[in-house]
Every structure is written in structure tokens, then in C-alpha cells.
């Protein structure tokens, strides 16, 4: 257990108490003697994903008889990958798209 685990558990409990109270956050924090900045800071931290997203993995595809390009759909973007593509460039493009 990391040193911040008990603190995270405490804040999770506080968020549940606030929500169950039905009070607005401002009034509830004032009543509890908590600053709004702390409340929002810990709410963001508690709701943050535990681990960073996994790096893209390369997938080996069987070679096709035709030389039709492979179409990759990433969100609203379609990338056409033809035979002889630059793998490093594709990796960089995917990293940029992932960061958005």
C-alpha cells in the first residue's frame, strides 16, 4: 500500500458523504472545515486513472496476395498504410493521435 492510499480512501469517503448529504459542495465543505481547492484537487486525483494508457502494440498481419492498403481507423481519423510504409512515421502519427 502506498503512503497516499489511506489519504485517497479518506477522500473517497468524504466525497460519498458529501454526495449523500444532498448539500452543495460549497456549503458542505464550509460545514466540514474543508477548503474548496482541496476538495476539487482530491476529487480530480481520486478520479484519475490508476495507470497510464498502454503504449500501442504492433500486430503482425498475414501478407495478402493483393497489395491493397490497410486502413486504420483511429477515432474520426483514417490512416491508409500501404506496402513499404515507414513504421517509425506511423508510430509517431499514432502517438500524436493518442495524445489528443
PDB file of N, CA and C in Angstrom:
ATOM      1  N   UNK A   1       0.853  -1.178   0.000  1.00  0.00           N
ATOM      2  CA  UNK A   1       0.000   0.000   0.000  1.00  0.00           C
ATOM      3  C   UNK A   1       0.893   1.233   0.000  1.00  0.00           C
ATOM      4  N   UNK A   2       0.657   2.157  -0.938  1.00  0.00           N
ATOM      5  CA  UNK A   2       1.466   3.372  -0.999  1.00  0.00           C
ATOM      6  C   UNK A   2       1.047   4.324   0.122  1.00  0.00           C
ATOM      7  N   UNK A   3       1.928   5.265   0.473  1.00  0.00           N
ATOM      8  CA  UNK A   3       1.605   6.200   1.554  1.00  0.00           C
ATOM      9  C   UNK A   3       0.342   7.013   1.300  1.00  0.00           C
ATOM     10  N   UNK A   4      -0.001   7.248   0.045  1.00  0.00           N
ATOM     11  CA  UNK A   4      -1.175   8.078  -0.229  1.00  0.00           C
ATOM     12  C   UNK A   4      -2.478   7.271  -0.250  1.00  0.00           C
ATOM     13  N   UNK A   5      -2.401   5.928  -0.184  1.00  0.00           N
ATOM     14  CA  UNK A   5      -3.613   5.101  -0.219  1.00  0.00           C
ATOM     15  C   UNK A   5      -4.591   5.445   0.911  1.00  0.00           C
ATOM     16  N   UNK A   6      -4.135   5.557   2.179  1.00  0.00           N
ATOM     17  CA  UNK A   6      -5.096   5.917   3.237  1.00  0.00           C
ATOM     18  C   UNK A   6      -5.732   7.290   2.992  1.00  0.00           C
ATOM     19  N   UNK A   7      -4.949   8.217   2.465  1.00  0.00           N
ATOM     20  CA  UNK A   7      -5.482   9.555   2.186  1.00  0.00           C
ATOM     21  C   UNK A   7      -6.537   9.490   1.087  1.00  0.00           C
ATOM     22  N   UNK A   8      -6.268   8.700   0.051  1.00  0.00           N
ATOM     23  CA  UNK A   8      -7.250   8.531  -1.027  1.00  0.00           C
ATOM     24  C   UNK A   8      -8.530   7.909  -0.495  1.00  0.00           C
ATOM     25  N   UNK A   9      -8.385   6.917   0.374  1.00  0.00           N
ATOM     26  CA  UNK A   9      -9.561   6.268   0.969  1.00  0.00           C
ATOM     27  C   UNK A   9     -10.372   7.269   1.795  1.00  0.00           C
ATOM     28  N   UNK A  10      -9.673   8.119   2.535  1.00  0.00           N
ATOM     29  CA  UNK A  10     -10.362   9.145   3.336  1.00  0.00           C
ATOM     30  C   UNK A  10     -11.144  10.083   2.428  1.00  0.00           C
ATOM     31  N   UNK A  11     -10.522  10.526   1.334  1.00  0.00           N
ATOM     32  CA  UNK A  11     -11.210  11.445   0.437  1.00  0.00           C
ATOM     33  C   UNK A  11     -12.366  10.772  -0.282  1.00  0.00           C
ATOM     34  N   UNK A  12     -12.214   9.502  -0.635  1.00  0.00           N
ATOM     35  CA  UNK A  12     -13.347   8.784  -1.249  1.00  0.00           C
ATOM     36  C   UNK A  12     -14.534   8.766  -0.292  1.00  0.00           C
ATOM     37  N   UNK A  13     -14.258   8.524   0.986  1.00  0.00           N
ATOM     38  CA  UNK A  13     -15.311   8.527   1.995  1.00  0.00           C
ATOM     39  C   UNK A  13     -15.950   9.910   2.098  1.00  0.00           C
ATOM     40  N   UNK A  14     -15.117  10.950   2.099  1.00  0.00           N
ATOM     41  CA  UNK A  14     -15.649  12.314   2.186  1.00  0.00           C
ATOM     42  C   UNK A  14     -16.515  12.655   0.974  1.00  0.00           C
ATOM     43  N   UNK A  15     -16.089  12.227  -0.221  1.00  0.00           N
ATOM     44  CA  UNK A  15     -16.893  12.503  -1.419  1.00  0.00           C
ATOM     45  C   UNK A  15     -18.240  11.803  -1.335  1.00  0.00           C
ATOM     46  N   UNK A  16     -18.249  10.580  -0.830  1.00  0.00           N
ATOM     47  CA  UNK A  16     -19.501   9.837  -0.671  1.00  0.00           C
ATOM     48  C   UNK A  16     -20.403  10.534   0.345  1.00  0.00           C
ATOM     49  N   UNK A  17     -19.813  11.016   1.440  1.00  0.00           N
ATOM     50  CA  UNK A  17     -20.591  11.730   2.463  1.00  0.00           C
ATOM     51  C   UNK A  17     -21.198  13.010   1.894  1.00  0.00           C
ATOM     52  N   UNK A  18     -20.405  13.747   1.129  1.00  0.00           N
ATOM     53  CA  UNK A  18     -20.919  14.986   0.538  1.00  0.00           C
ATOM     54  C   UNK A  18     -22.074  14.681  -0.393  1.00  0.00           C
ATOM     55  N   UNK A  19     -21.901  13.679  -1.240  1.00  0.00           N
ATOM     56  CA  UNK A  19     -22.946  13.342  -2.199  1.00  0.00           C
ATOM     57  C   UNK A  19     -24.214  12.883  -1.477  1.00  0.00           C
ATOM     58  N   UNK A  20     -24.049  12.070  -0.441  1.00  0.00           N
ATOM     59  CA  UNK A  20     -25.202  11.571   0.316  1.00  0.00           C
ATOM     60  C   UNK A  20     -25.915  12.689   1.071  1.00  0.00           C
ATOM     61  N   UNK A  21     -25.168  13.744   1.413  1.00  0.00           N
ATOM     62  CA  UNK A  21     -25.773  14.843   2.181  1.00  0.00           C
ATOM     63  C   UNK A  21     -26.796  15.627   1.367  1.00  0.00           C
ATOM     64  N   UNK A  22     -26.618  15.631   0.051  1.00  0.00           N
ATOM     65  CA  UNK A  22     -27.520  16.406  -0.806  1.00  0.00           C
ATOM     66  C   UNK A  22     -27.207  17.898  -0.792  1.00  0.00           C
ATOM     67  N   UNK A  23     -26.206  18.295  -0.032  1.00  0.00           N
ATOM     68  CA  UNK A  23     -25.836  19.709   0.052  1.00  0.00           C
ATOM     69  C   UNK A  23     -24.944  20.085  -1.119  1.00  0.00           C
ATOM     70  N   UNK A  24     -24.965  21.353  -1.490  1.00  0.00           N
ATOM     71  CA  UNK A  24     -23.996  21.827  -2.485  1.00  0.00           C
ATOM     72  C   UNK A  24     -22.586  21.683  -1.913  1.00  0.00           C
ATOM     73  N   UNK A  25     -21.631  21.487  -2.786  1.00  0.00           N
ATOM     74  CA  UNK A  25     -20.239  21.284  -2.363  1.00  0.00           C
ATOM     75  C   UNK A  25     -19.751  22.448  -1.511  1.00  0.00           C
ATOM     76  N   UNK A  26     -20.058  23.665  -1.936  1.00  0.00           N
ATOM     77  CA  UNK A  26     -19.582  24.850  -1.213  1.00  0.00           C
ATOM     78  C   UNK A  26     -20.027  24.824   0.244  1.00  0.00           C
ATOM     79  N   UNK A  27     -21.317  24.635   0.469  1.00  0.00           N
ATOM     80  CA  UNK A  27     -21.848  24.618   1.832  1.00  0.00           C
ATOM     81  C   UNK A  27     -21.339  23.451   2.644  1.00  0.00           C
ATOM     82  N   UNK A  28     -21.260  22.288   2.019  1.00  0.00           N
ATOM     83  CA  UNK A  28     -20.787  21.096   2.721  1.00  0.00           C
ATOM     84  C   UNK A  28     -19.337  21.267   3.158  1.00  0.00           C
ATOM     85  N   UNK A  29     -18.479  21.769   2.248  1.00  0.00           N
ATOM     86  CA  UNK A  29     -17.072  21.986   2.588  1.00  0.00           C
ATOM     87  C   UNK A  29     -16.926  22.991   3.728  1.00  0.00           C
ATOM     88  N   UNK A  30     -17.720  24.047   3.667  1.00  0.00           N
ATOM     89  CA  UNK A  30     -17.660  25.059   4.727  1.00  0.00           C
ATOM     90  C   UNK A  30     -18.048  24.436   6.068  1.00  0.00           C
ATOM     91  N   UNK A  31     -19.090  23.633   6.050  1.00  0.00           N
ATOM     92  CA  UNK A  31     -19.553  22.971   7.277  1.00  0.00           C
ATOM     93  C   UNK A  31     -18.503  21.996   7.818  1.00  0.00           C
ATOM     94  N   UNK A  32     -17.756  21.352   6.930  1.00  0.00           N
ATOM     95  CA  UNK A  32     -16.739  20.373   7.337  1.00  0.00           C
ATOM     96  C   UNK A  32     -15.386  21.015   7.622  1.00  0.00           C
ATOM     97  N   UNK A  33     -15.249  22.294   7.317  1.00  0.00           N
ATOM     98  CA  UNK A  33     -13.978  22.977   7.520  1.00  0.00           C
ATOM     99  C   UNK A  33     -12.937  22.619   6.465  1.00  0.00           C
ATOM    100  N   UNK A  34     -13.423  22.285   5.265  1.00  0.00           N
ATOM    101  CA  UNK A  34     -12.527  21.928   4.158  1.00  0.00           C
ATOM    102  C   UNK A  34     -12.497  23.053   3.133  1.00  0.00           C
ATOM    103  N   UNK A  35     -11.329  23.279   2.549  1.00  0.00           N
ATOM    104  CA  UNK A  35     -11.257  24.296   1.506  1.00  0.00           C
ATOM    105  C   UNK A  35     -11.792  23.699   0.198  1.00  0.00           C
ATOM    106  N   UNK A  36     -12.411  24.551  -0.600  1.00  0.00           N
ATOM    107  CA  UNK A  36     -12.904  24.104  -1.907  1.00  0.00           C
ATOM    108  C   UNK A  36     -11.750  23.637  -2.788  1.00  0.00           C
ATOM    109  N   UNK A  37     -10.616  24.325  -2.696  1.00  0.00           N
ATOM    110  CA  UNK A  37      -9.461  23.945  -3.507  1.00  0.00           C
ATOM    111  C   UNK A  37      -9.028  22.520  -3.185  1.00  0.00           C
ATOM    112  N   UNK A  38      -8.985  22.166  -1.905  1.00  0.00           N
ATOM    113  CA  UNK A  38      -8.608  20.804  -1.514  1.00  0.00           C
ATOM    114  C   UNK A  38      -9.629  19.794  -2.012  1.00  0.00           C
ATOM    115  N   UNK A  39     -10.894  20.129  -1.869  1.00  0.00           N
ATOM    116  CA  UNK A  39     -11.960  19.225  -2.312  1.00  0.00           C
ATOM    117  C   UNK A  39     -11.805  18.905  -3.798  1.00  0.00           C
ATOM    118  N   UNK A  40     -11.670  19.947  -4.618  1.00  0.00           N
ATOM    119  CA  UNK A  40     -11.576  19.741  -6.062  1.00  0.00           C
ATOM    120  C   UNK A  40     -10.249  19.087  -6.457  1.00  0.00           C
ATOM    121  N   UNK A  41      -9.171  19.429  -5.755  1.00  0.00           N
ATOM    122  CA  UNK A  41      -7.883  18.799  -6.035  1.00  0.00           C
ATOM    123  C   UNK A  41      -7.980  17.288  -5.811  1.00  0.00           C
ATOM    124  N   UNK A  42      -8.496  16.895  -4.653  1.00  0.00           N
ATOM    125  CA  UNK A  42      -8.560  15.470  -4.329  1.00  0.00           C
ATOM    126  C   UNK A  42      -9.619  14.746  -5.163  1.00  0.00           C
ATOM    127  N   UNK A  43     -10.669  15.443  -5.522  1.00  0.00           N
ATOM    128  CA  UNK A  43     -11.668  14.800  -6.381  1.00  0.00           C
ATOM    129  C   UNK A  43     -11.053  14.459  -7.727  1.00  0.00           C
ATOM    130  N   UNK A  44     -10.245  15.367  -8.269  1.00  0.00           N
ATOM    131  CA  UNK A  44      -9.570  15.111  -9.546  1.00  0.00           C
ATOM    132  C   UNK A  44      -8.555  13.983  -9.376  1.00  0.00           C
ATOM    133  N   UNK A  45      -7.827  14.011  -8.291  1.00  0.00           N
ATOM    134  CA  UNK A  45      -6.797  12.986  -8.070  1.00  0.00           C
ATOM    135  C   UNK A  45      -7.407  11.599  -7.862  1.00  0.00           C
ATOM    136  N   UNK A  46      -8.506  11.535  -7.119  1.00  0.00           N
ATOM    137  CA  UNK A  46      -9.165  10.257  -6.862  1.00  0.00           C
ATOM    138  C   UNK A  46      -9.758   9.689  -8.147  1.00  0.00           C
ATOM    139  N   UNK A  47     -10.247  10.556  -9.016  1.00  0.00           N
ATOM    140  CA  UNK A  47     -10.897  10.073 -10.240  1.00  0.00           C
ATOM    141  C   UNK A  47      -9.910   9.842 -11.383  1.00  0.00           C
ATOM    142  N   UNK A  48      -8.635  10.190 -11.175  1.00  0.00           N
ATOM    143  CA  UNK A  48      -7.631   9.986 -12.222  1.00  0.00           C
ATOM    144  C   UNK A  48      -7.403   8.497 -12.435  1.00  0.00           C
ATOM    145  N   UNK A  49      -7.139   8.111 -13.672  1.00  0.00           N
ATOM    146  CA  UNK A  49      -6.866   6.699 -13.928  1.00  0.00           C
ATOM    147  C   UNK A  49      -5.642   6.223 -13.146  1.00  0.00           C
ATOM    148  N   UNK A  50      -5.679   4.968 -12.719  1.00  0.00           N
ATOM    149  CA  UNK A  50      -4.603   4.425 -11.892  1.00  0.00           C
ATOM    150  C   UNK A  50      -3.301   4.262 -12.670  1.00  0.00           C
ATOM    151  N   UNK A  51      -3.399   3.917 -13.923  1.00  0.00           N
ATOM    152  CA  UNK A  51      -2.194   3.675 -14.708  1.00  0.00           C
ATOM    153  C   UNK A  51      -2.281   4.430 -16.023  1.00  0.00           C
ATOM    154  N   UNK A  52      -1.129   4.728 -16.554  1.00  0.00           N
ATOM    155  CA  UNK A  52      -1.086   5.401 -17.854  1.00  0.00           C
ATOM    156  C   UNK A  52      -1.580   4.428 -18.926  1.00  0.00           C
ATOM    157  N   UNK A  53      -2.169   4.963 -19.988  1.00  0.00           N
ATOM    158  CA  UNK A  53      -2.627   4.078 -21.047  1.00  0.00           C
ATOM    159  C   UNK A  53      -1.469   3.284 -21.636  1.00  0.00           C
ATOM    160  N   UNK A  54      -1.774   2.095 -22.060  1.00  0.00           N
ATOM    161  CA  UNK A  54      -0.742   1.227 -22.625  1.00  0.00           C
ATOM    162  C   UNK A  54      -0.229   1.804 -23.937  1.00  0.00           C
ATOM    163  N   UNK A  55       1.036   1.578 -24.185  1.00  0.00           N
ATOM    164  CA  UNK A  55       1.643   2.020 -25.446  1.00  0.00           C
ATOM    165  C   UNK A  55       1.068   1.187 -26.585  1.00  0.00           C
ATOM    166  N   UNK A  56       1.016   1.758 -27.776  1.00  0.00           N
ATOM    167  CA  UNK A  56       0.496   0.990 -28.909  1.00  0.00           C
ATOM    168  C   UNK A  56       1.307  -0.281 -29.113  1.00  0.00           C
ATOM    169  N   UNK A  57       0.632  -1.330 -29.448  1.00  0.00           N
ATOM    170  CA  UNK A  57       1.282  -2.604 -29.707  1.00  0.00           C
ATOM    171  C   UNK A  57       1.242  -2.879 -31.203  1.00  0.00           C
ATOM    172  N   UNK A  58       2.319  -3.421 -31.736  1.00  0.00           N
ATOM    173  CA  UNK A  58       2.356  -3.770 -33.151  1.00  0.00           C
ATOM    174  C   UNK A  58       1.723  -5.134 -33.327  1.00  0.00           C
ATOM    175  N   UNK A  59       0.962  -5.272 -34.354  1.00  0.00           N
ATOM    176  CA  UNK A  59       0.264  -6.500 -34.649  1.00  0.00           C
ATOM    177  C   UNK A  59       0.781  -7.053 -35.968  1.00  0.00           C
ATOM    178  N   UNK A  60       1.219  -8.295 -35.946  1.00  0.00           N
ATOM    179  CA  UNK A  60       1.697  -8.918 -37.178  1.00  0.00           C
ATOM    180  C   UNK A  60       0.488  -9.355 -38.000  1.00  0.00           C
ATOM    181  N   UNK A  61       0.421  -8.897 -39.213  1.00  0.00           N
ATOM    182  CA  UNK A  61      -0.689  -9.259 -40.089  1.00  0.00           C
ATOM    183  C   UNK A  61      -0.172 -10.189 -41.183  1.00  0.00           C
ATOM    184  N   UNK A  62      -0.986 -11.149 -41.537  1.00  0.00           N
ATOM    185  CA  UNK A  62      -0.552 -12.017 -42.627  1.00  0.00           C
ATOM    186  C   UNK A  62      -0.480 -11.213 -43.925  1.00  0.00           C
ATOM    187  N   UNK A  63       0.467 -11.553 -44.751  1.00  0.00           N
ATOM    188  CA  UNK A  63       0.579 -10.831 -46.013  1.00  0.00           C
ATOM    189  C   UNK A  63      -0.542 -11.277 -46.940  1.00  0.00           C
ATOM    190  N   UNK A  64      -1.107 -10.342 -47.608  1.00  0.00           N
ATOM    191  CA  UNK A  64      -2.211 -10.635 -48.520  1.00  0.00           C
ATOM    192  C   UNK A  64      -1.654 -10.765 -49.929  1.00  0.00           C
ATOM    193  N   UNK A  65      -2.364 -11.481 -50.741  1.00  0.00           N
ATOM    194  CA  UNK A  65      -1.964 -11.632 -52.137  1.00  0.00           C
ATOM    195  C   UNK A  65      -2.053 -10.294 -52.861  1.00  0.00           C
ATOM    196  N   UNK A  66      -3.104  -9.562 -52.555  1.00  0.00           N
ATOM    197  CA  UNK A  66      -3.239  -8.258 -53.206  1.00  0.00           C
ATOM    198  C   UNK A  66      -2.380  -7.256 -52.452  1.00  0.00           C
ATOM    199  N   UNK A  67      -2.098  -6.156 -53.063  1.00  0.00           N
ATOM    200  CA  UNK A  67      -1.310  -5.111 -52.410  1.00  0.00           C
ATOM    201  C   UNK A  67      -2.202  -3.957 -51.996  1.00  0.00           C
ATOM    202  N   UNK A  68      -3.439  -4.324 -51.620  1.00  0.00           N
ATOM    203  CA  UNK A  68      -4.368  -3.305 -51.152  1.00  0.00           C
ATOM    204  C   UNK A  68      -3.846  -2.715 -49.847  1.00  0.00           C
ATOM    205  N   UNK A  69      -4.014  -1.427 -49.670  1.00  0.00           N
ATOM    206  CA  UNK A  69      -3.542  -0.812 -48.420  1.00  0.00           C
ATOM    207  C   UNK A  69      -4.423  -1.240 -47.248  1.00  0.00           C
ATOM    208  N   UNK A  70      -3.845  -1.176 -46.065  1.00  0.00           N
ATOM    209  CA  UNK A  70      -4.559  -1.431 -44.823  1.00  0.00           C
ATOM    210  C   UNK A  70      -5.113  -0.097 -44.349  1.00  0.00           C
ATOM    211  N   UNK A  71      -6.386  -0.070 -43.960  1.00  0.00           N
ATOM    212  CA  UNK A  71      -6.986   1.153 -43.443  1.00  0.00           C
ATOM    213  C   UNK A  71      -7.107   1.039 -41.932  1.00  0.00           C
ATOM    214  N   UNK A  72      -6.515   1.996 -41.227  1.00  0.00           N
ATOM    215  CA  UNK A  72      -6.599   2.056 -39.773  1.00  0.00           C
ATOM    216  C   UNK A  72      -7.547   3.178 -39.404  1.00  0.00           C
ATOM    217  N   UNK A  73      -8.513   2.888 -38.545  1.00  0.00           N
ATOM    218  CA  UNK A  73      -9.452   3.902 -38.079  1.00  0.00           C
ATOM    219  C   UNK A  73      -9.124   4.221 -36.622  1.00  0.00           C
ATOM    220  N   UNK A  74      -8.725   5.458 -36.368  1.00  0.00           N
ATOM    221  CA  UNK A  74      -8.392   5.919 -35.026  1.00  0.00           C
ATOM    222  C   UNK A  74      -9.304   7.098 -34.733  1.00  0.00           C
ATOM    223  N   UNK A  75     -10.371   6.843 -33.985  1.00  0.00           N
ATOM    224  CA  UNK A  75     -11.361   7.895 -33.755  1.00  0.00           C
ATOM    225  C   UNK A  75     -11.994   8.288 -35.074  1.00  0.00           C
ATOM    226  N   UNK A  76     -11.951   9.567 -35.393  1.00  0.00           N
ATOM    227  CA  UNK A  76     -12.517  10.055 -36.656  1.00  0.00           C
ATOM    228  C   UNK A  76     -11.495  10.075 -37.782  1.00  0.00           C
ATOM    229  N   UNK A  77     -10.295   9.591 -37.515  1.00  0.00           N
ATOM    230  CA  UNK A  77      -9.207   9.638 -38.492  1.00  0.00           C
ATOM    231  C   UNK A  77      -9.019   8.259 -39.119  1.00  0.00           C
ATOM    232  N   UNK A  78      -8.820   8.241 -40.427  1.00  0.00           N
ATOM    233  CA  UNK A  78      -8.497   7.009 -41.131  1.00  0.00           C
ATOM    234  C   UNK A  78      -7.108   7.155 -41.728  1.00  0.00           C
ATOM    235  N   UNK A  79      -6.273   6.160 -41.477  1.00  0.00           N
ATOM    236  CA  UNK A  79      -4.903   6.167 -41.991  1.00  0.00           C
ATOM    237  C   UNK A  79      -4.772   5.006 -42.969  1.00  0.00           C
ATOM    238  N   UNK A  80      -4.289   5.314 -44.137  1.00  0.00           N
ATOM    239  CA  UNK A  80      -4.057   4.288 -45.152  1.00  0.00           C
ATOM    240  C   UNK A  80      -2.592   3.879 -45.088  1.00  0.00           C
ATOM    241  N   UNK A  81      -2.354   2.590 -44.846  1.00  0.00           N
ATOM    242  CA  UNK A  81      -0.996   2.074 -44.732  1.00  0.00           C
ATOM    243  C   UNK A  81      -0.742   1.154 -45.915  1.00  0.00           C
ATOM    244  N   UNK A  82       0.171   1.561 -46.763  1.00  0.00           N
ATOM    245  CA  UNK A  82       0.479   0.791 -47.968  1.00  0.00           C
ATOM    246  C   UNK A  82       1.743  -0.042 -47.750  1.00  0.00           C
ATOM    247  N   UNK A  83       1.988  -0.969 -48.652  1.00  0.00           N
ATOM    248  CA  UNK A  83       3.203  -1.781 -48.600  1.00  0.00           C
ATOM    249  C   UNK A  83       4.415  -0.858 -48.575  1.00  0.00           C
ATOM    250  N   UNK A  84       5.409  -1.212 -47.783  1.00  0.00           N
ATOM    251  CA  UNK A  84       6.636  -0.425 -47.721  1.00  0.00           C
ATOM    252  C   UNK A  84       6.510   0.820 -46.859  1.00  0.00           C
ATOM    253  N   UNK A  85       5.501   0.886 -45.961  1.00  0.00           N
ATOM    254  CA  UNK A  85       5.314   2.077 -45.123  1.00  0.00           C
ATOM    255  C   UNK A  85       6.481   2.250 -44.161  1.00  0.00           C
ATOM    256  N   UNK A  86       6.638   3.466 -43.680  1.00  0.00           N
ATOM    257  CA  UNK A  86       7.683   3.789 -42.701  1.00  0.00           C
ATOM    258  C   UNK A  86       7.094   3.548 -41.303  1.00  0.00           C
ATOM    259  N   UNK A  87       7.514   2.465 -40.660  1.00  0.00           N
ATOM    260  CA  UNK A  87       6.956   2.079 -39.360  1.00  0.00           C
ATOM    261  C   UNK A  87       7.179   3.163 -38.300  1.00  0.00           C
ATOM    262  N   UNK A  88       8.326   3.817 -38.327  1.00  0.00           N
ATOM    263  CA  UNK A  88       8.619   4.866 -37.344  1.00  0.00           C
ATOM    264  C   UNK A  88       7.664   6.044 -37.508  1.00  0.00           C
ATOM    265  N   UNK A  89       7.400   6.425 -38.759  1.00  0.00           N
ATOM    266  CA  UNK A  89       6.471   7.524 -39.015  1.00  0.00           C
ATOM    267  C   UNK A  89       5.066   7.156 -38.546  1.00  0.00           C
ATOM    268  N   UNK A  90       4.622   5.936 -38.829  1.00  0.00           N
ATOM    269  CA  UNK A  90       3.292   5.502 -38.387  1.00  0.00           C
ATOM    270  C   UNK A  90       3.212   5.533 -36.865  1.00  0.00           C
ATOM    271  N   UNK A  91       4.249   5.081 -36.197  1.00  0.00           N
ATOM    272  CA  UNK A  91       4.286   5.099 -34.732  1.00  0.00           C
ATOM    273  C   UNK A  91       4.153   6.530 -34.212  1.00  0.00           C
ATOM    274  N   UNK A  92       4.856   7.467 -34.814  1.00  0.00           N
ATOM    275  CA  UNK A  92       4.788   8.874 -34.400  1.00  0.00           C
ATOM    276  C   UNK A  92       3.389   9.450 -34.624  1.00  0.00           C
ATOM    277  N   UNK A  93       2.798   9.112 -35.756  1.00  0.00           N
ATOM    278  CA  UNK A  93       1.446   9.596 -36.052  1.00  0.00           C
ATOM    279  C   UNK A  93       0.450   9.064 -35.029  1.00  0.00           C
ATOM    280  N   UNK A  94       0.543   7.779 -34.723  1.00  0.00           N
ATOM    281  CA  UNK A  94      -0.363   7.172 -33.745  1.00  0.00           C
ATOM    282  C   UNK A  94      -0.168   7.798 -32.368  1.00  0.00           C
ATOM    283  N   UNK A  95       1.069   8.105 -31.994  1.00  0.00           N
ATOM    284  CA  UNK A  95       1.333   8.744 -30.696  1.00  0.00           C
ATOM    285  C   UNK A  95       0.672  10.110 -30.628  1.00  0.00           C
ATOM    286  N   UNK A  96       0.729  10.876 -31.711  1.00  0.00           N
ATOM    287  CA  UNK A  96       0.092  12.195 -31.739  1.00  0.00           C
ATOM    288  C   UNK A  96      -1.426  12.044 -31.616  1.00  0.00           C
ATOM    289  N   UNK A  97      -1.991  11.115 -32.349  1.00  0.00           N
ATOM    290  CA  UNK A  97      -3.446  10.907 -32.297  1.00  0.00           C
ATOM    291  C   UNK A  97      -3.877  10.440 -30.915  1.00  0.00           C
ATOM    292  N   UNK A  98      -3.088   9.587 -30.280  1.00  0.00           N
ATOM    293  CA  UNK A  98      -3.420   9.083 -28.953  1.00  0.00           C
ATOM    294  C   UNK A  98      -3.411  10.183 -27.911  1.00  0.00           C
ATOM    295  N   UNK A  99      -2.532  11.154 -28.080  1.00  0.00           N
ATOM    296  CA  UNK A  99      -2.412  12.223 -27.088  1.00  0.00           C
ATOM    297  C   UNK A  99      -3.563  13.220 -27.169  1.00  0.00           C
ATOM    298  N   UNK A 100      -4.334  13.161 -28.212  1.00  0.00           N
ATOM    299  CA  UNK A 100      -5.455  14.103 -28.357  1.00  0.00           C
ATOM    300  C   UNK A 100      -6.650  13.516 -27.741  1.00  0.00           C
TER     301      UNK A 100
END
